[in-house]
Amino acid sequence: MNPQTVSIALPNGQNLSGTLFHRADIRFNQAIVICSGTGFLQTYYAAFATWLAAQGYTVLTFDYDGIGPSLQGDLKHCSVGLQDWGTRDIPAAVDFLLAHTGLPQALLIGHSAGSQMLGVMPNHAKIAKVIAIAGSTGHLANMRPEFARKANFLFTVYMPLSNLVFGYAKLKAIKWGEDLPRHVARQWAQWCKNGHYVRTAIDRGDIEHDFHTQITQPITVIHAEDDDIANAANVAEFLSTFPNAIKTTRCLNPQTYGFKHIGHNHILRPSHQKLWDIVLQEIQLL
């Protein structure tokens, strides 16, 4: 089983960099698209995708426009917004995966922001289920004061200054993930300060179509007790934006699984592979 590099066409003529993982000895039986968190490269999820493929699934990872290999040109000239990832990039990845497999629907495993866009996807009906890893609104007001102060400094001081000086949010330098296009960084801050996350863009008129009330698929949030971002309050806020969905949550205690820390980013890391069976159980419930 060798990962296959693919190119995902966007409506504007650009392409996203993607990777397909699947076993050559099986027929396509279920398609899974992994949608990255803000500032994460698709390579972060490669080990998990490889493991899923070994279980018999066909898996697609990809980088959003403006991130990693999907960046075309100079980042300071990249005009992509955070809403474009939800209204354009993820739908394009889903369509590509379904065209490749010939299946009618895919399962979406999203990490953080990657799980929060279903309500603005024009092809949302092509998603059979969402497994939201650390999915929440990321609302600063619901975070621990110490962590909220750090995040607020990032959103209110560092990223605006970085946008002004460099033309983009220079996050690699402070180890907060990949550098971000300026509009992505600006909207990320707006959405997390507001508490409604993607609905902030809908209310501001940045996104024309709102499908949240049309979502009836299962949405399961898997998050950790020690996650400062996807805490219980923010998870509840996130799920409340889908009034007609079938909603469940699984909150993981690190000590129960032999870990000192899980946090916001560790569930899909190889160091925490024993947690992957929990995700697999949710896949198999579909």
Protein backbone atom coordinates (compact mmCIF):
# COMPACT_ATOMS: atom_id res chain seq x y z
CA MET A 1 0.00 0.00 0.00
CA ASN A 2 1.73 3.15 -1.24
CA PRO A 3 0.18 6.59 -0.73
CA GLN A 4 -0.74 8.21 -4.04
CA THR A 5 -0.23 11.94 -4.56
CA VAL A 6 -3.23 13.48 -6.32
CA SER A 7 -4.32 16.88 -7.58
CA ILE A 8 -7.79 18.14 -6.66
CA ALA A 9 -9.26 20.69 -9.06
CA LEU A 10 -11.01 23.78 -7.70
CA PRO A 11 -13.70 25.72 -9.58
CA ASN A 12 -11.34 28.71 -9.97
CA GLY A 13 -8.81 26.63 -11.90
CA GLN A 14 -6.39 26.14 -9.02
CA ASN A 15 -5.52 22.75 -7.56
CA LEU A 16 -5.15 21.35 -4.08
CA SER A 17 -2.47 18.84 -3.16
CA GLY A 18 -3.95 15.59 -1.87
CA THR A 19 -2.93 12.06 -0.94
CA LEU A 20 -4.93 8.85 -1.36
CA PHE A 21 -4.41 5.92 0.97
CA HIS A 22 -5.94 2.53 0.17
CA ARG A 23 -5.15 -1.16 0.01
CA ALA A 24 -4.72 -2.48 -3.49
CA ASP A 25 -6.30 -5.84 -2.65
CA ILE A 26 -9.78 -4.62 -1.71
CA ARG A 27 -12.77 -3.06 -3.41
CA PHE A 28 -13.83 0.42 -2.41
CA ASN A 29 -16.32 -0.04 0.41
CA GLN A 30 -16.15 3.19 2.38
CA ALA A 31 -14.53 6.52 1.62
CA ILE A 32 -13.11 8.78 4.32
CA VAL A 33 -11.94 12.36 3.85
CA ILE A 34 -9.72 13.81 6.59
CA CYS A 35 -10.04 17.58 6.92
CA SER A 36 -7.16 19.30 8.68
CA GLY A 37 -7.27 21.75 11.54
CA THR A 38 -6.23 25.36 11.00
CA GLY A 39 -2.48 25.55 10.41
CA PHE A 40 -1.97 21.79 10.06
CA LEU A 41 -0.45 20.12 7.01
CA GLN A 42 -2.04 16.93 5.69
CA THR A 43 1.17 15.10 6.60
CA TYR A 44 0.17 15.44 10.25
CA TYR A 45 -2.56 12.88 9.60
CA ALA A 46 -0.58 10.52 7.34
CA ALA A 47 0.06 7.86 9.99
CA PHE A 48 -3.61 7.80 10.97
CA ALA A 49 -4.69 7.65 7.31
CA THR A 50 -2.27 4.78 6.68
CA TRP A 51 -3.71 2.93 9.67
CA LEU A 52 -7.28 3.46 8.43
CA ALA A 53 -6.32 2.19 4.99
CA ALA A 54 -4.91 -0.94 6.60
CA GLN A 55 -8.36 -1.49 8.13
CA GLY A 56 -9.81 -1.51 4.61
CA TYR A 57 -10.88 2.10 4.07
CA THR A 58 -10.06 4.47 1.22
CA VAL A 59 -8.79 7.71 2.73
CA LEU A 60 -8.05 11.14 1.28
CA THR A 61 -6.00 13.84 2.98
CA PHE A 62 -5.34 17.25 1.45
CA ASP A 63 -3.96 20.71 2.10
CA TYR A 64 -6.25 23.72 1.95
CA ASP A 65 -5.63 26.53 -0.51
CA GLY A 66 -2.80 28.68 0.85
CA ILE A 67 -1.32 25.88 2.97
CA GLY A 68 1.78 23.79 2.23
CA PRO A 69 1.95 22.34 -1.30
CA SER A 70 -1.48 23.80 -2.10
CA LEU A 71 -0.08 27.34 -1.86
CA GLN A 72 0.40 28.80 -5.31
CA GLY A 73 2.61 31.86 -5.43
CA ASP A 74 3.71 34.09 -2.57
CA LEU A 75 1.72 33.71 0.65
CA LYS A 76 1.48 37.47 1.11
CA HIS A 77 -0.46 37.66 -2.14
CA CYS A 78 -2.84 34.81 -1.23
CA SER A 79 -6.39 36.14 -0.97
CA VAL A 80 -8.10 32.97 0.28
CA GLY A 81 -10.41 33.26 3.28
CA LEU A 82 -11.28 30.73 5.95
CA GLN A 83 -14.78 30.42 4.53
CA ASP A 84 -13.30 29.30 1.19
CA TRP A 85 -11.98 26.17 2.87
CA GLY A 86 -15.53 25.23 3.84
CA THR A 87 -17.51 26.37 0.81
CA ARG A 88 -14.99 25.31 -1.84
CA ASP A 89 -11.96 23.25 -0.75
CA ILE A 90 -13.62 20.57 1.37
CA PRO A 91 -16.47 20.11 -1.13
CA ALA A 92 -13.92 19.71 -3.93
CA ALA A 93 -12.04 17.09 -1.92
CA VAL A 94 -15.26 15.18 -1.23
CA ASP A 95 -16.26 15.24 -4.90
CA PHE A 96 -12.80 14.04 -5.92
CA LEU A 97 -12.88 11.14 -3.46
CA LEU A 98 -16.35 10.02 -4.50
CA ALA A 99 -15.46 10.24 -8.19
CA HIS A 100 -12.40 8.10 -7.50
CA THR A 101 -14.26 5.44 -5.52
CA GLY A 102 -17.63 5.52 -7.27
CA LEU A 103 -19.36 5.69 -3.89
CA PRO A 104 -22.38 7.94 -3.21
CA GLN A 105 -21.22 9.29 0.15
CA ALA A 106 -18.08 9.78 2.22
CA LEU A 107 -17.42 9.91 5.93
CA LEU A 108 -15.76 13.12 7.09
CA ILE A 109 -13.20 13.03 9.89
CA GLY A 110 -12.34 16.59 10.76
CA HIS A 111 -9.80 17.89 13.21
CA SER A 112 -10.79 21.11 14.95
CA ALA A 113 -11.78 23.62 12.21
CA GLY A 114 -11.85 20.79 9.68
CA SER A 115 -14.96 19.40 11.37
CA GLN A 116 -16.90 22.65 11.57
CA MET A 117 -17.72 23.43 7.94
CA LEU A 118 -20.52 20.96 7.09
CA GLY A 119 -23.18 23.64 7.40
CA VAL A 120 -21.67 25.73 4.59
CA MET A 121 -20.83 22.90 2.19
CA PRO A 122 -23.06 22.93 -0.92
CA ASN A 123 -22.60 19.15 -1.25
CA HIS A 124 -23.28 18.42 2.42
CA ALA A 125 -25.67 15.60 1.43
CA LYS A 126 -22.66 13.64 0.17
CA ILE A 127 -21.40 13.31 3.76
CA ALA A 128 -22.78 10.28 5.58
CA LYS A 129 -21.39 11.19 9.00
CA VAL A 130 -19.00 13.62 10.66
CA ILE A 131 -16.52 12.52 13.29
CA ALA A 132 -15.29 15.77 14.79
CA ILE A 133 -11.95 15.36 16.52
CA ALA A 134 -11.73 18.24 19.01
CA GLY A 135 -14.56 19.96 17.15
CA SER A 136 -15.95 23.06 18.84
CA THR A 137 -16.56 26.79 18.40
CA GLY A 138 -13.20 27.64 19.94
CA HIS A 139 -14.94 30.46 21.80
CA LEU A 140 -12.39 32.41 23.84
CA ALA A 141 -14.95 33.33 26.49
CA ASN A 142 -15.36 29.67 27.47
CA MET A 143 -11.65 28.91 27.85
CA ARG A 144 -9.51 28.87 30.98
CA PRO A 145 -8.42 32.48 31.65
CA GLU A 146 -4.71 31.69 31.28
CA PHE A 147 -5.15 29.97 27.91
CA ALA A 148 -7.69 32.56 26.75
CA ARG A 149 -5.19 35.36 27.41
CA LYS A 150 -2.59 33.62 25.23
CA ALA A 151 -5.09 33.02 22.45
CA ASN A 152 -6.38 36.58 22.67
CA PHE A 153 -2.83 37.93 22.36
CA LEU A 154 -2.36 35.77 19.27
CA PHE A 155 -5.62 36.97 17.72
CA THR A 156 -5.57 40.60 18.82
CA VAL A 157 -1.89 41.55 18.77
CA TYR A 158 0.44 39.06 17.09
CA MET A 159 -1.54 38.07 13.99
CA PRO A 160 -2.70 41.60 13.09
CA LEU A 161 0.88 42.89 13.43
CA SER A 162 2.21 39.96 11.42
CA ASN A 163 -0.37 40.60 8.71
CA LEU A 164 0.66 44.26 8.64
CA VAL A 165 4.42 43.63 8.54
CA PHE A 166 4.65 40.45 6.45
CA GLY A 167 1.32 40.29 4.64
CA TYR A 168 0.43 36.99 6.31
CA ALA A 169 0.25 35.42 9.79
CA LYS A 170 3.75 34.16 10.54
CA LEU A 171 2.86 31.33 12.92
CA LYS A 172 5.73 28.93 12.30
CA ALA A 173 8.05 31.31 14.12
CA ILE A 174 6.06 30.93 17.35
CA LYS A 175 5.24 27.23 16.84
CA TRP A 176 1.50 27.74 16.38
CA GLY A 177 1.32 25.78 13.14
CA GLU A 178 1.76 26.68 9.51
CA ASP A 179 1.86 30.27 8.33
CA LEU A 180 -1.63 31.43 7.35
CA PRO A 181 -3.00 33.67 4.60
CA ARG A 182 -3.90 37.04 6.10
CA HIS A 183 -7.65 36.72 5.56
CA VAL A 184 -7.68 33.22 7.07
CA ALA A 185 -5.92 34.56 10.17
CA ARG A 186 -8.25 37.54 10.45
CA GLN A 187 -11.39 35.42 10.15
CA TRP A 188 -10.06 32.77 12.51
CA ALA A 189 -9.74 35.46 15.17
CA GLN A 190 -13.21 36.86 14.43
CA TRP A 191 -14.87 33.48 14.56
CA CYS A 192 -13.28 32.41 17.86
CA LYS A 193 -14.02 35.73 19.55
CA ASN A 194 -17.66 35.62 18.48
CA GLY A 195 -18.54 32.14 19.72
CA HIS A 196 -20.58 31.13 16.68
CA TYR A 197 -17.50 30.20 14.63
CA VAL A 198 -18.51 29.69 10.98
CA ARG A 199 -21.91 31.26 11.58
CA THR A 200 -20.03 34.50 12.22
CA ALA A 201 -19.20 34.64 8.51
CA ILE A 202 -22.82 33.88 7.62
CA ASP A 203 -24.06 36.71 9.85
CA ARG A 204 -21.50 39.09 8.32
CA GLY A 205 -22.53 38.16 4.79
CA ASP A 206 -19.19 36.54 3.94
CA ILE A 207 -20.98 33.25 3.19
CA GLU A 208 -24.11 33.34 1.06
CA HIS A 209 -25.67 29.93 1.74
CA ASP A 210 -26.39 28.45 5.17
CA PHE A 211 -27.23 24.74 5.30
CA HIS A 212 -27.03 24.17 9.06
CA THR A 213 -30.73 23.43 9.50
CA GLN A 214 -30.62 20.95 6.60
CA ILE A 215 -28.02 18.75 8.29
CA THR A 216 -29.62 15.55 9.60
CA GLN A 217 -26.55 13.31 9.50
CA PRO A 218 -24.85 11.95 12.63
CA ILE A 219 -22.18 14.22 14.12
CA THR A 220 -19.96 12.75 16.83
CA VAL A 221 -17.47 14.92 18.69
CA ILE A 222 -14.50 13.14 20.25
CA HIS A 223 -12.57 15.45 22.56
CA ALA A 224 -10.38 15.30 25.64
CA GLU A 225 -11.06 16.50 29.16
CA ASP A 226 -7.80 18.48 29.10
CA ASP A 227 -8.54 20.25 25.82
CA ASP A 228 -8.49 24.00 26.50
CA ILE A 229 -10.14 24.78 23.16
CA ALA A 230 -12.70 22.02 22.61
CA ASN A 231 -13.95 22.06 26.18
CA ALA A 232 -17.45 20.96 27.11
CA ALA A 233 -18.98 24.44 26.69
CA ASN A 234 -17.46 25.02 23.26
CA VAL A 235 -18.39 21.54 22.07
CA ALA A 236 -21.99 22.17 23.13
CA GLU A 237 -21.99 25.52 21.29
CA PHE A 238 -20.71 23.83 18.15
CA LEU A 239 -23.33 21.08 18.20
CA SER A 240 -26.12 23.58 18.86
CA THR A 241 -25.55 25.04 15.37
CA PHE A 242 -26.93 21.80 13.90
CA PRO A 243 -30.46 21.63 15.37
CA ASN A 244 -31.59 18.67 13.27
CA ALA A 245 -28.46 16.52 13.31
CA ILE A 246 -28.02 13.32 15.32
CA LYS A 247 -25.46 14.49 17.87
CA THR A 248 -23.24 12.58 20.29
CA THR A 249 -20.08 13.34 22.24
CA ARG A 250 -17.26 11.25 23.65
CA CYS A 251 -15.06 12.98 26.19
CA LEU A 252 -11.76 11.21 26.87
CA ASN A 253 -9.96 11.23 30.20
CA PRO A 254 -6.19 11.04 29.53
CA GLN A 255 -5.44 8.93 32.60
CA THR A 256 -8.04 6.35 31.61
CA TYR A 257 -5.95 5.58 28.53
CA GLY A 258 -2.56 5.87 30.20
CA PHE A 259 -1.68 9.38 29.02
CA LYS A 260 -0.65 12.45 30.95
CA HIS A 261 -2.03 14.69 28.21
CA ILE A 262 -4.27 14.49 25.15
CA GLY A 263 -5.28 18.09 24.64
CA HIS A 264 -6.46 19.57 21.36
CA ASN A 265 -4.03 17.97 18.93
CA HIS A 266 -2.94 14.54 20.16
CA ILE A 267 -5.84 12.19 19.40
CA LEU A 268 -4.67 11.51 15.84
CA ARG A 269 -0.94 11.49 16.60
CA PRO A 270 1.00 8.20 16.40
CA SER A 271 2.00 8.63 20.05
CA HIS A 272 -1.68 8.23 20.96
CA GLN A 273 -2.53 5.40 18.59
CA LYS A 274 -4.44 3.48 21.24
CA LEU A 275 -7.13 6.16 20.88
CA TRP A 276 -7.61 5.40 17.20
CA ASP A 277 -9.79 2.39 18.00
CA ILE A 278 -12.30 4.84 19.49
CA VAL A 279 -12.49 6.62 16.14
CA LEU A 280 -12.76 3.27 14.36
CA GLN A 281 -15.71 2.31 16.55
CA GLU A 282 -17.51 5.46 15.44
CA ILE A 283 -16.78 4.69 11.80
CA GLN A 284 -18.18 1.20 12.20
CA LEU A 285 -21.40 2.53 13.75
CA LEU A 286 -22.33 4.08 10.40
